[in-house]
Amino acid sequence: MALQVTDLTISFGGVVAVNGMSLSIEPGEIVGLIGPNGAGKTTFINCVAGAYRPSRGTVQWKGTELRGLAPHSVIRQGVARTFQNVASLHDLTVLDIVKLGAAARGRRGLAAVADLWRGEAALEAELHETVLEPLGLADIAAQPVQTLSYGLRKAVDLARAMASRPELLLLDEPVAGLTVQEGQQMAAVIREVRDRRRCAVLMVEHKMDVVMSTCDRITVMAAGARIFEGTGPAVQADPEVRRVYLGEP
């Protein structure tokens, strides 16, 4: 098993944001994490990624405990993430952003020495082949990020995460703010990334058409806790999920 989160709990000012949350992901699996606003989904991702330290619980990744590790140390364990809101980052180009992701690998020993000997041109060629071209960003690699559409900036954020060669990819609302067509294109890219890298993916998302077409399994959160887990059709048919989402009695 790639990721095993057990009894994860964190509070802010006496308010329990995540309450005894458990979740597992197998290698190569895409798991959707859904729930109403305020359910604790992004807080949960922040705990896994090292941005927050839970008060209770464990975050086991390939047998290594991530709880208590700083974000840069989590990245070096092969875990990368994207963010809900993407910044323009001033005059940095698409390639600059992707190179920042590659630098986050923090490779050590002989691998780090090899990177130094290869030089900048070789690194850029690798990123073009393995990240920019698969995501359709090669033609705009030299363009400043701040000049791009919101949808393209979302793709650049995914490219940055991919450049760290993740084995676990945490996606926080990857299609939020995108058009229906852009959302479906991003969903296809996410599946291609999984197939290409065989990485596990945890995806927080509100757009159910994307969740249903992308995820192998779905976990539903409400009030900081898991209330259901199963396939897409099972989630849609569950009375408690329908009550939480649709206000059904």
C-alpha atoms as a PDB file:
ATOM      1  CA  MET A   1       0.000   0.000   0.000  1.00  0.00           C
ATOM      2  CA  ALA A   2       1.366   3.415  -0.970  1.00  0.00           C
ATOM      3  CA  LEU A   3      -0.418   5.735   1.465  1.00  0.00           C
ATOM      4  CA  GLN A   4      -2.113   4.857   4.739  1.00  0.00           C
ATOM      5  CA  VAL A   5      -3.552   7.709   6.812  1.00  0.00           C
ATOM      6  CA  THR A   6      -5.084   6.664  10.120  1.00  0.00           C
ATOM      7  CA  ASP A   7      -7.110   8.645  12.691  1.00  0.00           C
ATOM      8  CA  LEU A   8      -5.822  12.017  11.449  1.00  0.00           C
ATOM      9  CA  THR A   9      -7.016  14.890  13.654  1.00  0.00           C
ATOM     10  CA  ILE A  10      -6.205  18.600  13.760  1.00  0.00           C
ATOM     11  CA  SER A  11      -7.873  21.589  15.426  1.00  0.00           C
ATOM     12  CA  PHE A  12      -7.570  25.348  15.043  1.00  0.00           C
ATOM     13  CA  GLY A  13      -8.615  27.556  17.961  1.00  0.00           C
ATOM     14  CA  GLY A  14     -10.749  24.814  19.439  1.00  0.00           C
ATOM     15  CA  VAL A  15     -12.467  24.028  16.118  1.00  0.00           C
ATOM     16  CA  VAL A  16     -11.843  20.473  14.916  1.00  0.00           C
ATOM     17  CA  ALA A  17     -11.060  20.760  11.197  1.00  0.00           C
ATOM     18  CA  VAL A  18     -10.196  17.106  10.577  1.00  0.00           C
ATOM     19  CA  ASN A  19     -11.608  14.544  12.973  1.00  0.00           C
ATOM     20  CA  GLY A  20     -10.269  10.983  13.012  1.00  0.00           C
ATOM     21  CA  MET A  21      -9.903  10.845   9.229  1.00  0.00           C
ATOM     22  CA  SER A  22      -8.542   7.665   7.652  1.00  0.00           C
ATOM     23  CA  LEU A  23      -7.741   7.050   3.994  1.00  0.00           C
ATOM     24  CA  SER A  24      -5.592   4.714   1.932  1.00  0.00           C
ATOM     25  CA  ILE A  25      -4.337   4.782  -1.650  1.00  0.00           C
ATOM     26  CA  GLU A  26      -2.760   1.953  -3.604  1.00  0.00           C
ATOM     27  CA  PRO A  27       0.079   2.504  -6.106  1.00  0.00           C
ATOM     28  CA  GLY A  28      -1.286   3.730  -9.436  1.00  0.00           C
ATOM     29  CA  GLU A  29      -4.731   4.484  -8.007  1.00  0.00           C
ATOM     30  CA  ILE A  30      -6.609   7.783  -8.381  1.00  0.00           C
ATOM     31  CA  VAL A  31      -8.737   8.503  -5.318  1.00  0.00           C
ATOM     32  CA  GLY A  32     -11.160  11.419  -5.243  1.00  0.00           C
ATOM     33  CA  LEU A  33     -11.742  13.310  -2.000  1.00  0.00           C
ATOM     34  CA  ILE A  34     -15.046  15.162  -2.096  1.00  0.00           C
ATOM     35  CA  GLY A  35     -17.323  16.933   0.343  1.00  0.00           C
ATOM     36  CA  PRO A  36     -19.107  20.235   0.949  1.00  0.00           C
ATOM     37  CA  ASN A  37     -17.212  23.474   1.564  1.00  0.00           C
ATOM     38  CA  GLY A  38     -15.648  23.412   5.020  1.00  0.00           C
ATOM     39  CA  ALA A  39     -15.491  19.610   5.150  1.00  0.00           C
ATOM     40  CA  GLY A  40     -11.738  19.677   5.819  1.00  0.00           C
ATOM     41  CA  LYS A  41     -10.465  18.401   2.472  1.00  0.00           C
ATOM     42  CA  THR A  42      -7.713  20.970   1.889  1.00  0.00           C
ATOM     43  CA  THR A  43      -6.714  20.809   5.552  1.00  0.00           C
ATOM     44  CA  PHE A  44      -6.339  17.054   5.154  1.00  0.00           C
ATOM     45  CA  ILE A  45      -4.046  17.534   2.129  1.00  0.00           C
ATOM     46  CA  ASN A  46      -2.052  20.150   4.044  1.00  0.00           C
ATOM     47  CA  CYS A  47      -1.490  17.612   6.814  1.00  0.00           C
ATOM     48  CA  VAL A  48      -0.274  14.943   4.399  1.00  0.00           C
ATOM     49  CA  ALA A  49       1.986  17.443   2.587  1.00  0.00           C
ATOM     50  CA  GLY A  50       3.578  18.721   5.813  1.00  0.00           C
ATOM     51  CA  ALA A  51       2.087  22.223   5.811  1.00  0.00           C
ATOM     52  CA  TYR A  52       0.161  21.418   9.009  1.00  0.00           C
ATOM     53  CA  ARG A  53       1.087  19.097  11.853  1.00  0.00           C
ATOM     54  CA  PRO A  54      -1.838  16.966  13.057  1.00  0.00           C
ATOM     55  CA  SER A  55      -2.453  16.605  16.782  1.00  0.00           C
ATOM     56  CA  ARG A  56      -3.205  12.905  16.385  1.00  0.00           C
ATOM     57  CA  GLY A  57      -2.901  10.129  13.845  1.00  0.00           C
ATOM     58  CA  THR A  58      -0.364   8.708  11.425  1.00  0.00           C
ATOM     59  CA  VAL A  59       0.546   9.390   7.797  1.00  0.00           C
ATOM     60  CA  GLN A  60       2.402   6.351   6.513  1.00  0.00           C
ATOM     61  CA  TRP A  61       3.858   6.648   3.026  1.00  0.00           C
ATOM     62  CA  LYS A  62       5.567   3.466   1.781  1.00  0.00           C
ATOM     63  CA  GLY A  63       6.312   2.576   5.392  1.00  0.00           C
ATOM     64  CA  THR A  64       7.746   6.006   6.303  1.00  0.00           C
ATOM     65  CA  GLU A  65       5.960   8.277   8.776  1.00  0.00           C
ATOM     66  CA  LEU A  66       5.375  11.698   7.218  1.00  0.00           C
ATOM     67  CA  ARG A  67       3.679  13.308  10.203  1.00  0.00           C
ATOM     68  CA  GLY A  68       6.002  15.966  11.618  1.00  0.00           C
ATOM     69  CA  LEU A  69       8.139  16.292   8.472  1.00  0.00           C
ATOM     70  CA  ALA A  70       8.562  19.724   6.890  1.00  0.00           C
ATOM     71  CA  PRO A  71       7.110  20.185   3.383  1.00  0.00           C
ATOM     72  CA  HIS A  72      10.519  20.047   1.691  1.00  0.00           C
ATOM     73  CA  SER A  73      11.234  16.750   3.431  1.00  0.00           C
ATOM     74  CA  VAL A  74       7.868  15.359   2.341  1.00  0.00           C
ATOM     75  CA  ILE A  75       8.675  16.286  -1.279  1.00  0.00           C
ATOM     76  CA  ARG A  76      11.954  14.403  -1.002  1.00  0.00           C
ATOM     77  CA  GLN A  77       9.957  11.333  -0.020  1.00  0.00           C
ATOM     78  CA  GLY A  78       8.314  11.451  -3.446  1.00  0.00           C
ATOM     79  CA  VAL A  79       5.146  13.381  -2.531  1.00  0.00           C
ATOM     80  CA  ALA A  80       4.190  16.476  -4.552  1.00  0.00           C
ATOM     81  CA  ARG A  81       1.127  18.706  -4.528  1.00  0.00           C
ATOM     82  CA  THR A  82      -0.718  21.382  -6.436  1.00  0.00           C
ATOM     83  CA  PHE A  83      -2.677  24.277  -4.947  1.00  0.00           C
ATOM     84  CA  GLN A  84      -6.231  25.610  -5.148  1.00  0.00           C
ATOM     85  CA  ASN A  85      -5.068  29.087  -6.105  1.00  0.00           C
ATOM     86  CA  VAL A  86      -2.158  29.620  -8.463  1.00  0.00           C
ATOM     87  CA  ALA A  87      -0.072  32.797  -8.329  1.00  0.00           C
ATOM     88  CA  SER A  88       1.441  34.572 -11.323  1.00  0.00           C
ATOM     89  CA  LEU A  89       4.899  34.666  -9.687  1.00  0.00           C
ATOM     90  CA  HIS A  90       5.867  37.936 -11.344  1.00  0.00           C
ATOM     91  CA  ASP A  91       8.031  37.520 -14.451  1.00  0.00           C
ATOM     92  CA  LEU A  92       9.023  33.848 -14.066  1.00  0.00           C
ATOM     93  CA  THR A  93       8.533  31.816 -17.232  1.00  0.00           C
ATOM     94  CA  VAL A  94       6.799  28.474 -17.529  1.00  0.00           C
ATOM     95  CA  LEU A  95      10.176  26.765 -17.731  1.00  0.00           C
ATOM     96  CA  ASP A  96      11.393  28.651 -14.641  1.00  0.00           C
ATOM     97  CA  ILE A  97       8.438  27.338 -12.625  1.00  0.00           C
ATOM     98  CA  VAL A  98       8.992  23.782 -13.814  1.00  0.00           C
ATOM     99  CA  LYS A  99      12.702  24.022 -12.946  1.00  0.00           C
ATOM    100  CA  LEU A 100      11.725  25.047  -9.423  1.00  0.00           C
ATOM    101  CA  GLY A 101       9.774  21.810  -9.197  1.00  0.00           C
ATOM    102  CA  ALA A 102      12.770  19.834 -10.417  1.00  0.00           C
ATOM    103  CA  ALA A 103      15.000  21.528  -7.835  1.00  0.00           C
ATOM    104  CA  ALA A 104      12.623  20.341  -5.107  1.00  0.00           C
ATOM    105  CA  ARG A 105      13.650  16.748  -5.816  1.00  0.00           C
ATOM    106  CA  GLY A 106      16.654  17.334  -3.593  1.00  0.00           C
ATOM    107  CA  ARG A 107      18.544  14.438  -5.111  1.00  0.00           C
ATOM    108  CA  ARG A 108      21.567  13.282  -3.161  1.00  0.00           C
ATOM    109  CA  GLY A 109      24.762  11.341  -3.607  1.00  0.00           C
ATOM    110  CA  LEU A 110      25.773  10.221  -7.100  1.00  0.00           C
ATOM    111  CA  ALA A 111      22.448  11.368  -8.576  1.00  0.00           C
ATOM    112  CA  ALA A 112      23.103  14.932  -7.407  1.00  0.00           C
ATOM    113  CA  VAL A 113      26.668  14.840  -8.799  1.00  0.00           C
ATOM    114  CA  ALA A 114      25.318  13.595 -12.135  1.00  0.00           C
ATOM    115  CA  ASP A 115      22.850  16.495 -12.261  1.00  0.00           C
ATOM    116  CA  LEU A 116      25.703  18.970 -11.756  1.00  0.00           C
ATOM    117  CA  TRP A 117      27.747  17.427 -14.549  1.00  0.00           C
ATOM    118  CA  ARG A 118      24.837  17.349 -16.969  1.00  0.00           C
ATOM    119  CA  GLY A 119      24.372  21.092 -16.798  1.00  0.00           C
ATOM    120  CA  GLU A 120      21.433  23.403 -17.316  1.00  0.00           C
ATOM    121  CA  ALA A 121      20.833  22.610 -20.987  1.00  0.00           C
ATOM    122  CA  ALA A 122      20.494  18.897 -20.309  1.00  0.00           C
ATOM    123  CA  LEU A 123      18.070  19.556 -17.456  1.00  0.00           C
ATOM    124  CA  GLU A 124      15.928  21.792 -19.643  1.00  0.00           C
ATOM    125  CA  ALA A 125      15.900  19.182 -22.420  1.00  0.00           C
ATOM    126  CA  GLU A 126      14.758  16.542 -19.941  1.00  0.00           C
ATOM    127  CA  LEU A 127      11.971  18.752 -18.607  1.00  0.00           C
ATOM    128  CA  HIS A 128      10.791  19.546 -22.126  1.00  0.00           C
ATOM    129  CA  GLU A 129      10.574  15.840 -22.943  1.00  0.00           C
ATOM    130  CA  THR A 130       9.148  14.500 -19.677  1.00  0.00           C
ATOM    131  CA  VAL A 131       6.927  17.355 -18.460  1.00  0.00           C
ATOM    132  CA  LEU A 132       6.320  20.250 -20.849  1.00  0.00           C
ATOM    133  CA  GLU A 133       5.568  18.258 -24.005  1.00  0.00           C
ATOM    134  CA  PRO A 134       3.206  15.736 -22.326  1.00  0.00           C
ATOM    135  CA  LEU A 135       1.251  18.627 -20.796  1.00  0.00           C
ATOM    136  CA  GLY A 136       1.159  20.632 -24.022  1.00  0.00           C
ATOM    137  CA  LEU A 137       3.278  23.441 -22.570  1.00  0.00           C
ATOM    138  CA  ALA A 138       6.431  23.150 -24.672  1.00  0.00           C
ATOM    139  CA  ASP A 139       5.463  25.912 -27.106  1.00  0.00           C
ATOM    140  CA  ILE A 140       4.960  28.441 -24.280  1.00  0.00           C
ATOM    141  CA  ALA A 141       7.936  27.393 -22.129  1.00  0.00           C
ATOM    142  CA  ALA A 142       9.600  30.815 -22.486  1.00  0.00           C
ATOM    143  CA  GLN A 143       6.423  32.775 -21.800  1.00  0.00           C
ATOM    144  CA  PRO A 144       5.964  34.575 -18.454  1.00  0.00           C
ATOM    145  CA  VAL A 145       3.398  32.774 -16.293  1.00  0.00           C
ATOM    146  CA  GLN A 146       1.580  36.026 -15.496  1.00  0.00           C
ATOM    147  CA  THR A 147       0.595  36.381 -19.159  1.00  0.00           C
ATOM    148  CA  LEU A 148      -1.197  33.020 -19.301  1.00  0.00           C
ATOM    149  CA  SER A 149      -4.857  32.210 -18.859  1.00  0.00           C
ATOM    150  CA  TYR A 150      -5.995  30.778 -15.542  1.00  0.00           C
ATOM    151  CA  GLY A 151      -6.400  27.343 -17.110  1.00  0.00           C
ATOM    152  CA  LEU A 152      -2.835  27.337 -18.418  1.00  0.00           C
ATOM    153  CA  ARG A 153      -1.510  28.484 -15.035  1.00  0.00           C
ATOM    154  CA  LYS A 154      -3.265  25.474 -13.508  1.00  0.00           C
ATOM    155  CA  ALA A 155      -1.464  23.252 -16.026  1.00  0.00           C
ATOM    156  CA  VAL A 156       1.864  24.906 -15.147  1.00  0.00           C
ATOM    157  CA  ASP A 157       1.244  24.197 -11.450  1.00  0.00           C
ATOM    158  CA  LEU A 158       0.707  20.527 -12.310  1.00  0.00           C
ATOM    159  CA  ALA A 159       3.887  20.601 -14.419  1.00  0.00           C
ATOM    160  CA  ARG A 160       5.823  22.000 -11.454  1.00  0.00           C
ATOM    161  CA  ALA A 161       4.604  19.150  -9.274  1.00  0.00           C
ATOM    162  CA  MET A 162       5.382  16.555 -11.955  1.00  0.00           C
ATOM    163  CA  ALA A 163       8.931  17.871 -12.349  1.00  0.00           C
ATOM    164  CA  SER A 164       9.771  16.559  -8.874  1.00  0.00           C
ATOM    165  CA  ARG A 165       9.064  13.026 -10.172  1.00  0.00           C
ATOM    166  CA  PRO A 166       6.377  12.274  -7.594  1.00  0.00           C
ATOM    167  CA  GLU A 167       5.192   8.818  -6.629  1.00  0.00           C
ATOM    168  CA  LEU A 168       2.228  10.382  -4.824  1.00  0.00           C
ATOM    169  CA  LEU A 169       0.498  13.405  -6.322  1.00  0.00           C
ATOM    170  CA  LEU A 170      -1.860  15.528  -4.198  1.00  0.00           C
ATOM    171  CA  LEU A 171      -4.181  17.649  -6.359  1.00  0.00           C
ATOM    172  CA  ASP A 172      -6.207  20.396  -4.682  1.00  0.00           C
ATOM    173  CA  GLU A 173      -9.121  21.348  -6.964  1.00  0.00           C
ATOM    174  CA  PRO A 174      -7.171  20.989 -10.226  1.00  0.00           C
ATOM    175  CA  VAL A 175     -10.118  22.043 -12.420  1.00  0.00           C
ATOM    176  CA  ALA A 176     -11.584  24.803 -10.231  1.00  0.00           C
ATOM    177  CA  GLY A 177     -12.215  27.911 -12.314  1.00  0.00           C
ATOM    178  CA  LEU A 178     -11.814  26.085 -15.624  1.00  0.00           C
ATOM    179  CA  THR A 179     -14.392  25.815 -18.366  1.00  0.00           C
ATOM    180  CA  VAL A 180     -16.099  22.463 -18.942  1.00  0.00           C
ATOM    181  CA  GLN A 181     -13.813  21.770 -21.900  1.00  0.00           C
ATOM    182  CA  GLU A 182     -10.682  22.796 -19.980  1.00  0.00           C
ATOM    183  CA  GLY A 183     -11.787  20.651 -17.054  1.00  0.00           C
ATOM    184  CA  GLN A 184     -12.168  17.562 -19.222  1.00  0.00           C
ATOM    185  CA  GLN A 185      -8.790  18.240 -20.815  1.00  0.00           C
ATOM    186  CA  MET A 186      -7.194  18.506 -17.374  1.00  0.00           C
ATOM    187  CA  ALA A 187      -8.905  15.270 -16.306  1.00  0.00           C
ATOM    188  CA  ALA A 188      -7.409  13.515 -19.328  1.00  0.00           C
ATOM    189  CA  VAL A 189      -3.969  14.902 -18.445  1.00  0.00           C
ATOM    190  CA  ILE A 190      -4.279  13.631 -14.856  1.00  0.00           C
ATOM    191  CA  ARG A 191      -5.104  10.125 -16.074  1.00  0.00           C
ATOM    192  CA  GLU A 192      -2.200  10.299 -18.527  1.00  0.00           C
ATOM    193  CA  VAL A 193       0.167  11.400 -15.743  1.00  0.00           C
ATOM    194  CA  ARG A 194      -0.955   8.443 -13.635  1.00  0.00           C
ATOM    195  CA  ASP A 195      -0.519   6.033 -16.538  1.00  0.00           C
ATOM    196  CA  ARG A 196       2.848   7.486 -17.534  1.00  0.00           C
ATOM    197  CA  ARG A 197       4.375   7.610 -14.048  1.00  0.00           C
ATOM    198  CA  ARG A 198       2.280   4.950 -12.314  1.00  0.00           C
ATOM    199  CA  CYS A 199       1.976   7.332  -9.377  1.00  0.00           C
ATOM    200  CA  ALA A 200      -0.811   7.323  -6.805  1.00  0.00           C
ATOM    201  CA  VAL A 201      -3.103  10.366  -6.969  1.00  0.00           C
ATOM    202  CA  LEU A 202      -5.319  11.975  -4.331  1.00  0.00           C
ATOM    203  CA  MET A 203      -7.596  14.554  -5.936  1.00  0.00           C
ATOM    204  CA  VAL A 204      -9.786  17.057  -4.090  1.00  0.00           C
ATOM    205  CA  GLU A 205     -12.445  18.315  -6.465  1.00  0.00           C
ATOM    206  CA  HIS A 206     -16.015  19.691  -6.496  1.00  0.00           C
ATOM    207  CA  LYS A 207     -16.836  19.107 -10.165  1.00  0.00           C
ATOM    208  CA  MET A 208     -18.470  15.702 -10.042  1.00  0.00           C
ATOM    209  CA  ASP A 209     -18.285  15.036 -13.786  1.00  0.00           C
ATOM    210  CA  VAL A 210     -14.488  15.232 -13.530  1.00  0.00           C
ATOM    211  CA  VAL A 211     -14.408  13.165 -10.339  1.00  0.00           C
ATOM    212  CA  MET A 212     -16.603  10.459 -11.870  1.00  0.00           C
ATOM    213  CA  SER A 213     -14.593  10.260 -15.099  1.00  0.00           C
ATOM    214  CA  THR A 214     -11.172  10.358 -13.435  1.00  0.00           C
ATOM    215  CA  CYS A 215     -11.215   8.544 -10.082  1.00  0.00           C
ATOM    216  CA  ASP A 216     -11.017   4.818  -9.391  1.00  0.00           C
ATOM    217  CA  ARG A 217     -12.499   5.301  -5.946  1.00  0.00           C
ATOM    218  CA  ILE A 218     -14.083   8.197  -4.038  1.00  0.00           C
ATOM    219  CA  THR A 219     -13.923   9.162  -0.361  1.00  0.00           C
ATOM    220  CA  VAL A 220     -16.524  11.573   0.992  1.00  0.00           C
ATOM    221  CA  MET A 221     -15.793  13.954   3.892  1.00  0.00           C
ATOM    222  CA  ALA A 222     -18.222  16.005   5.986  1.00  0.00           C
ATOM    223  CA  ALA A 223     -17.484  17.960   9.165  1.00  0.00           C
ATOM    224  CA  GLY A 224     -13.873  16.760   9.125  1.00  0.00           C
ATOM    225  CA  ALA A 225     -14.650  13.035   9.015  1.00  0.00           C
ATOM    226  CA  ARG A 226     -15.115  10.320   6.414  1.00  0.00           C
ATOM    227  CA  ILE A 227     -18.785   9.469   5.877  1.00  0.00           C
ATOM    228  CA  PHE A 228     -18.553   7.173   2.852  1.00  0.00           C
ATOM    229  CA  GLU A 229     -16.115   5.500   0.498  1.00  0.00           C
ATOM    230  CA  GLY A 230     -16.725   3.557  -2.680  1.00  0.00           C
ATOM    231  CA  THR A 231     -17.074   3.658  -6.438  1.00  0.00           C
ATOM    232  CA  GLY A 232     -18.668   6.576  -8.234  1.00  0.00           C
ATOM    233  CA  PRO A 233     -22.089   4.954  -8.666  1.00  0.00           C
ATOM    234  CA  ALA A 234     -22.136   3.821  -5.035  1.00  0.00           C
ATOM    235  CA  VAL A 235     -21.286   7.335  -3.837  1.00  0.00           C
ATOM    236  CA  GLN A 236     -24.048   8.859  -5.969  1.00  0.00           C
ATOM    237  CA  ALA A 237     -26.612   6.389  -4.603  1.00  0.00           C
ATOM    238  CA  ASP A 238     -25.732   6.660  -0.907  1.00  0.00           C
ATOM    239  CA  PRO A 239     -28.482   8.410   1.106  1.00  0.00           C
ATOM    240  CA  GLU A 240     -26.086  10.122   3.523  1.00  0.00           C
ATOM    241  CA  VAL A 241     -23.967  11.523   0.709  1.00  0.00           C
ATOM    242  CA  ARG A 242     -27.094  12.779  -1.055  1.00  0.00           C
ATOM    243  CA  ARG A 243     -28.262  14.382   2.171  1.00  0.00           C
ATOM    244  CA  VAL A 244     -24.933  16.177   2.669  1.00  0.00           C
ATOM    245  CA  TYR A 245     -24.653  17.354  -0.942  1.00  0.00           C
ATOM    246  CA  LEU A 246     -28.243  17.855  -2.003  1.00  0.00           C
ATOM    247  CA  GLY A 247     -29.998  18.504   1.292  1.00  0.00           C
ATOM    248  CA  GLU A 248     -32.253  15.503   0.788  1.00  0.00           C
ATOM    249  CA  PRO A 249     -34.089  14.271   3.928  1.00  0.00           C
END
